[in-house]
Protein backbone atom coordinates (compact mmCIF):
# COMPACT_ATOMS: atom_id res chain seq x y z
CA UNK A 1 33.20 -16.48 66.74
CA UNK A 2 31.53 -16.31 69.89
CA UNK A 3 32.83 -13.91 72.64
CA UNK A 4 34.16 -16.08 75.40
CA UNK A 5 33.14 -15.25 79.08
CA UNK A 6 35.58 -15.66 81.93
CA UNK A 7 34.41 -16.91 84.96
CA UNK A 8 35.03 -16.81 88.51
CA UNK A 9 34.39 -19.21 91.41
CA UNK A 10 34.55 -17.87 95.17
CA UNK A 11 33.02 -20.29 97.64
CA UNK A 12 34.88 -22.49 100.61
CA UNK A 13 32.99 -25.43 100.01
CA UNK A 14 34.77 -27.80 97.46
CA UNK A 15 31.49 -29.86 96.92
CA UNK A 16 29.97 -26.52 95.54
CA UNK A 17 33.08 -25.47 93.34
CA UNK A 18 32.95 -28.27 92.01
CA UNK A 19 29.68 -28.16 90.70
CA UNK A 20 29.56 -24.66 89.14
CA UNK A 21 33.17 -25.97 87.30
CA UNK A 22 31.12 -28.81 86.05
CA UNK A 23 28.45 -26.62 84.15
CA UNK A 24 31.01 -24.27 83.14
CA UNK A 25 32.46 -26.92 81.38
CA UNK A 26 29.63 -28.05 79.79
CA UNK A 27 29.43 -24.24 77.93
CA UNK A 28 31.55 -23.79 75.65
CA UNK A 29 31.26 -19.82 76.04
CA UNK A 30 32.25 -20.12 79.44
CA UNK A 31 36.07 -19.92 80.76
CA UNK A 32 36.91 -20.91 84.17
CA UNK A 33 39.97 -18.80 84.96
CA UNK A 34 39.79 -19.81 88.69
CA UNK A 35 38.80 -20.88 91.77
CA UNK A 36 39.19 -19.46 94.79
CA UNK A 37 37.81 -20.65 98.70
CA UNK A 38 38.22 -17.34 100.32
CA UNK A 39 37.54 -13.33 99.39
CA UNK A 40 41.57 -12.54 99.83
CA UNK A 41 42.52 -15.03 96.99
CA UNK A 42 39.39 -13.71 94.79
CA UNK A 43 40.83 -9.84 95.21
CA UNK A 44 44.36 -10.87 93.46
CA UNK A 45 42.58 -12.86 90.83
CA UNK A 46 40.43 -9.89 90.02
CA UNK A 47 43.37 -7.64 90.44
CA UNK A 48 45.80 -9.85 87.83
CA UNK A 49 42.86 -11.00 85.29
CA UNK A 50 40.05 -9.80 83.26
CA UNK A 51 36.98 -11.50 84.69
CA UNK A 52 33.41 -11.23 83.09
CA UNK A 53 31.29 -13.24 85.82
CA UNK A 54 31.81 -14.04 89.60
CA UNK A 55 30.16 -16.98 91.05
CA UNK A 56 29.88 -15.61 94.87
CA UNK A 57 29.37 -17.72 97.83
CA UNK A 58 27.53 -15.25 100.67
CA UNK A 59 28.55 -17.25 103.92
CA UNK A 60 32.36 -17.59 103.67
CA UNK A 61 34.99 -17.14 106.83
CA UNK A 62 36.60 -14.04 107.83
CA UNK A 63 34.54 -11.91 105.28
CA UNK A 64 31.53 -12.51 103.71
CA UNK A 65 30.66 -12.46 99.70
CA UNK A 66 28.30 -8.95 100.46
CA UNK A 67 30.99 -7.63 102.41
CA UNK A 68 33.62 -8.60 99.88
CA UNK A 69 31.33 -7.27 97.35
CA UNK A 70 31.04 -3.81 98.77
CA UNK A 71 34.99 -3.34 99.00
CA UNK A 72 35.00 -3.61 94.92
CA UNK A 73 35.05 -0.30 92.86
CA UNK A 74 34.46 -2.17 89.52
CA UNK A 75 33.23 -5.81 90.21
CA UNK A 76 32.47 -7.97 87.14
CA UNK A 77 29.02 -9.47 86.58
CA UNK A 78 27.97 -11.06 90.00
CA UNK A 79 26.17 -14.10 90.43
CA UNK A 80 25.21 -14.78 94.09
CA UNK A 81 25.60 -18.77 95.36
CA UNK A 82 24.12 -19.42 98.83
CA UNK A 83 22.03 -22.23 100.78
CA UNK A 84 20.49 -19.46 102.57
CA UNK A 85 17.82 -17.52 100.67
CA UNK A 86 17.23 -14.59 103.14
CA UNK A 87 20.73 -13.80 102.61
CA UNK A 88 20.41 -13.68 98.86
CA UNK A 89 18.26 -10.30 99.09
CA UNK A 90 21.26 -8.54 100.80
CA UNK A 91 22.87 -8.27 97.23
CA UNK A 92 20.34 -6.79 95.33
CA UNK A 93 21.08 -3.24 96.40
CA UNK A 94 24.50 -3.98 95.26
CA UNK A 95 23.43 -4.89 91.86
CA UNK A 96 24.14 -8.13 91.15
CA UNK A 97 22.87 -10.10 87.94
CA UNK A 98 21.29 -12.88 89.56
CA UNK A 99 21.49 -15.78 92.67
CA UNK A 100 21.59 -19.10 92.69
CA UNK A 101 20.18 -21.44 95.83
CA UNK A 102 21.90 -24.60 96.98
CA UNK A 103 22.25 -27.54 95.63
CA UNK A 104 22.39 -25.52 92.09
CA UNK A 105 20.26 -27.05 89.11
CA UNK A 106 22.06 -27.21 85.78
CA UNK A 107 18.57 -25.25 84.77
CA UNK A 108 19.12 -22.51 87.03
CA UNK A 109 22.90 -22.29 86.18
CA UNK A 110 21.61 -21.55 82.69
CA UNK A 111 19.07 -19.17 83.42
CA UNK A 112 21.62 -17.22 85.63
CA UNK A 113 24.34 -17.05 83.34
CA UNK A 114 21.94 -16.09 80.24
CA UNK A 115 21.20 -13.32 82.55
CA UNK A 116 24.66 -12.21 82.68
CA UNK A 117 25.53 -12.64 79.66
CA UNK A 118 22.94 -9.84 78.45
CA UNK A 119 24.18 -7.78 81.39
CA UNK A 120 27.85 -8.33 79.61
CA UNK A 121 26.24 -6.95 76.25
CA UNK A 122 24.65 -3.70 77.68
CA UNK A 123 27.80 -2.86 79.11
CA UNK A 124 29.55 -3.58 76.09
CA UNK A 125 26.91 -1.60 73.93
CA UNK A 126 26.86 1.30 76.29
CA UNK A 127 30.97 1.81 76.03
CA UNK A 128 30.44 1.26 72.70
CA UNK A 129 28.01 4.51 73.05
CA UNK A 130 30.14 6.62 75.02
CA UNK A 131 33.17 6.21 72.35
CA UNK A 132 30.93 7.03 69.42
CA UNK A 133 29.81 10.59 71.03
CA UNK A 134 33.62 11.09 72.49
CA UNK A 135 35.48 13.80 70.98
CA UNK A 136 38.32 12.46 68.87
CA UNK A 137 40.84 15.41 69.21
CA UNK A 138 42.35 17.65 71.40
CA UNK A 139 44.25 21.03 71.24
CA UNK A 140 47.64 21.99 71.81
CA UNK A 141 49.63 25.41 71.88
CA UNK A 142 51.90 25.95 69.25
CA UNK A 143 53.49 29.18 69.73
CA UNK A 144 50.77 31.99 69.77
CA UNK A 145 47.84 29.80 68.71
CA UNK A 146 45.73 26.60 69.43
CA UNK A 147 46.20 24.06 67.25
CA UNK A 148 43.81 21.34 66.73
CA UNK A 149 44.92 17.81 66.14
CA UNK A 150 42.65 14.52 65.00
CA UNK A 151 43.72 11.31 66.78
CA UNK A 152 43.48 9.75 63.27
CA UNK A 153 46.13 11.93 61.74
CA UNK A 154 48.68 11.40 64.66
CA UNK A 155 51.36 9.03 63.41
CA UNK A 156 53.67 8.75 66.78
CA UNK A 157 54.58 11.19 70.00
CA UNK A 158 58.14 11.71 71.12
CA UNK A 159 58.55 13.63 74.74
CA UNK A 160 61.46 14.80 76.11
CA UNK A 161 60.73 16.17 79.88
CA UNK A 162 58.04 18.80 79.19
CA UNK A 163 57.67 19.30 75.99
CA UNK A 164 56.43 16.60 72.71
CA UNK A 165 57.23 16.63 68.79
CA UNK A 166 53.55 15.32 67.32
CA UNK A 167 53.95 13.65 64.13
CA UNK A 168 50.98 13.77 62.20
CA UNK A 169 50.55 12.98 58.67
CA UNK A 170 50.98 16.44 57.33
CA UNK A 171 53.81 17.75 59.57
CA UNK A 172 55.78 18.20 63.14
CA UNK A 173 54.21 20.19 65.89
CA UNK A 174 56.37 20.96 69.15
CA UNK A 175 54.14 21.84 72.28
CA UNK A 176 54.76 22.01 75.83
CA UNK A 177 53.43 18.74 77.25
CA UNK A 178 54.78 15.54 79.12
CA UNK A 179 54.29 12.24 78.57
CA UNK A 180 51.38 11.77 81.71
CA UNK A 181 49.46 14.66 79.91
CA UNK A 182 49.21 12.79 76.34
CA UNK A 183 48.36 9.13 78.29
CA UNK A 184 45.47 10.87 79.92
CA UNK A 185 43.92 12.48 76.76
CA UNK A 186 45.04 9.79 73.98
CA UNK A 187 42.10 6.73 73.91
CA UNK A 188 44.24 3.95 75.12
CA UNK A 189 42.56 1.24 72.29
CA UNK A 190 43.91 3.17 69.96
CA UNK A 191 47.82 4.59 70.96
CA UNK A 192 50.15 2.42 72.82
CA UNK A 193 53.70 3.54 74.45
CA UNK A 194 55.96 2.02 73.02
CA UNK A 195 59.45 3.41 75.42
CA UNK A 196 60.15 6.45 78.07
CA UNK A 197 59.76 8.52 75.18
CA UNK A 198 57.23 7.30 72.61
CA UNK A 199 53.91 6.92 72.04
CA UNK A 200 52.44 5.58 68.83
CA UNK A 201 49.19 5.38 66.94
CA UNK A 202 48.43 1.84 66.33
CA UNK A 203 47.39 2.16 63.14
CA UNK A 204 50.17 3.71 62.00
CA UNK A 205 52.08 0.47 62.90
CA UNK A 206 53.36 -1.01 59.65
CA UNK A 207 55.89 -3.40 60.98
CA UNK A 208 57.81 -4.58 64.36
CA UNK A 209 61.69 -6.18 64.20
CA UNK A 210 63.42 -6.84 67.00
CA UNK A 211 63.58 -3.49 69.05
CA UNK A 212 61.75 -1.16 66.77
CA UNK A 213 58.51 -0.40 65.52
CA UNK A 214 58.05 1.24 61.44
CA UNK A 215 55.40 3.73 60.65
CA UNK A 216 55.26 5.99 57.88
CA UNK A 217 57.08 8.75 59.92
CA UNK A 218 59.84 6.54 60.90
CA UNK A 219 61.64 3.71 62.85
CA UNK A 220 61.22 4.21 66.70
CA UNK A 221 62.60 2.04 69.52
CA UNK A 222 60.69 0.36 71.74
CA UNK A 223 61.74 0.36 75.42
CA UNK A 224 62.42 -3.15 77.19
CA UNK A 225 59.62 -2.53 79.38
CA UNK A 226 57.30 -1.53 76.76
CA UNK A 227 57.71 -4.43 74.79
CA UNK A 228 54.85 -7.31 76.32
CA UNK A 229 52.32 -4.75 76.16
CA UNK A 230 52.93 -4.05 72.60
CA UNK A 231 53.11 -7.76 71.66
CA UNK A 232 49.84 -8.22 73.39
CA UNK A 233 48.21 -5.65 71.54
CA UNK A 234 49.07 -6.47 68.19
CA UNK A 235 48.01 -10.17 68.87
CA UNK A 236 45.02 -9.82 70.03
CA UNK A 237 44.69 -7.68 73.26
CA UNK A 238 44.43 -4.34 71.98
CA UNK A 239 43.14 -2.18 68.82
CA UNK A 240 44.66 -4.82 66.49
CA UNK A 241 42.35 -7.85 67.27
CA UNK A 242 42.71 -11.90 66.30
CA UNK A 243 41.61 -11.29 63.08
CA UNK A 244 44.32 -8.86 62.08
CA UNK A 245 47.00 -11.48 63.30
CA UNK A 246 47.79 -14.73 61.62
CA UNK A 247 50.98 -15.33 62.52
């Protein structure tokens, strides 16, 4: 299945929005997540949704597209849309993907989307390479010695105040560490917090029934505030992807 690309249109002109929306609907790989009339609406969408490509108008009231883009720490791939070609050049120091001159033709739209798709693919490849070179272990202090623990060996971790029990495939290790510290160290694509006191290694999950997660090392409670995130992970939003969830 080809990857879906989530798109956001930010433009105060309804006709311009309609043109881009029509073009997006012509391409099965593109998904229109939202349409915004101004930067404040766009900020809310970016904060709450995963956006891969943003079609951003430059000339908007209150705050321009360029000014808005400068406020974003981790923007998606950005394609400027404008009726004024001179303004489009302002965006290139902000590492935009492309710009479309209104009225936008479908041929030119397609070229910009192809560039954005390549940009996204390169970013994903870079992230995978960084993951591959990252360490897959950490050290904790147990009594008077430092013990190396591989991420893959962990079944789950139970934290209580300032100390923790790390249940590995081989044994249990007691150490002085907080839940916050484990959340900083453990890779988020491999581990998920299921309770205020428990973090579980996703590949160790054998079953979920009611408010219980079962692993080879026991049955763990699921906290009410963590169940939605857990179900999102096992239904395709995390390490256990759609191919592994066939209910």
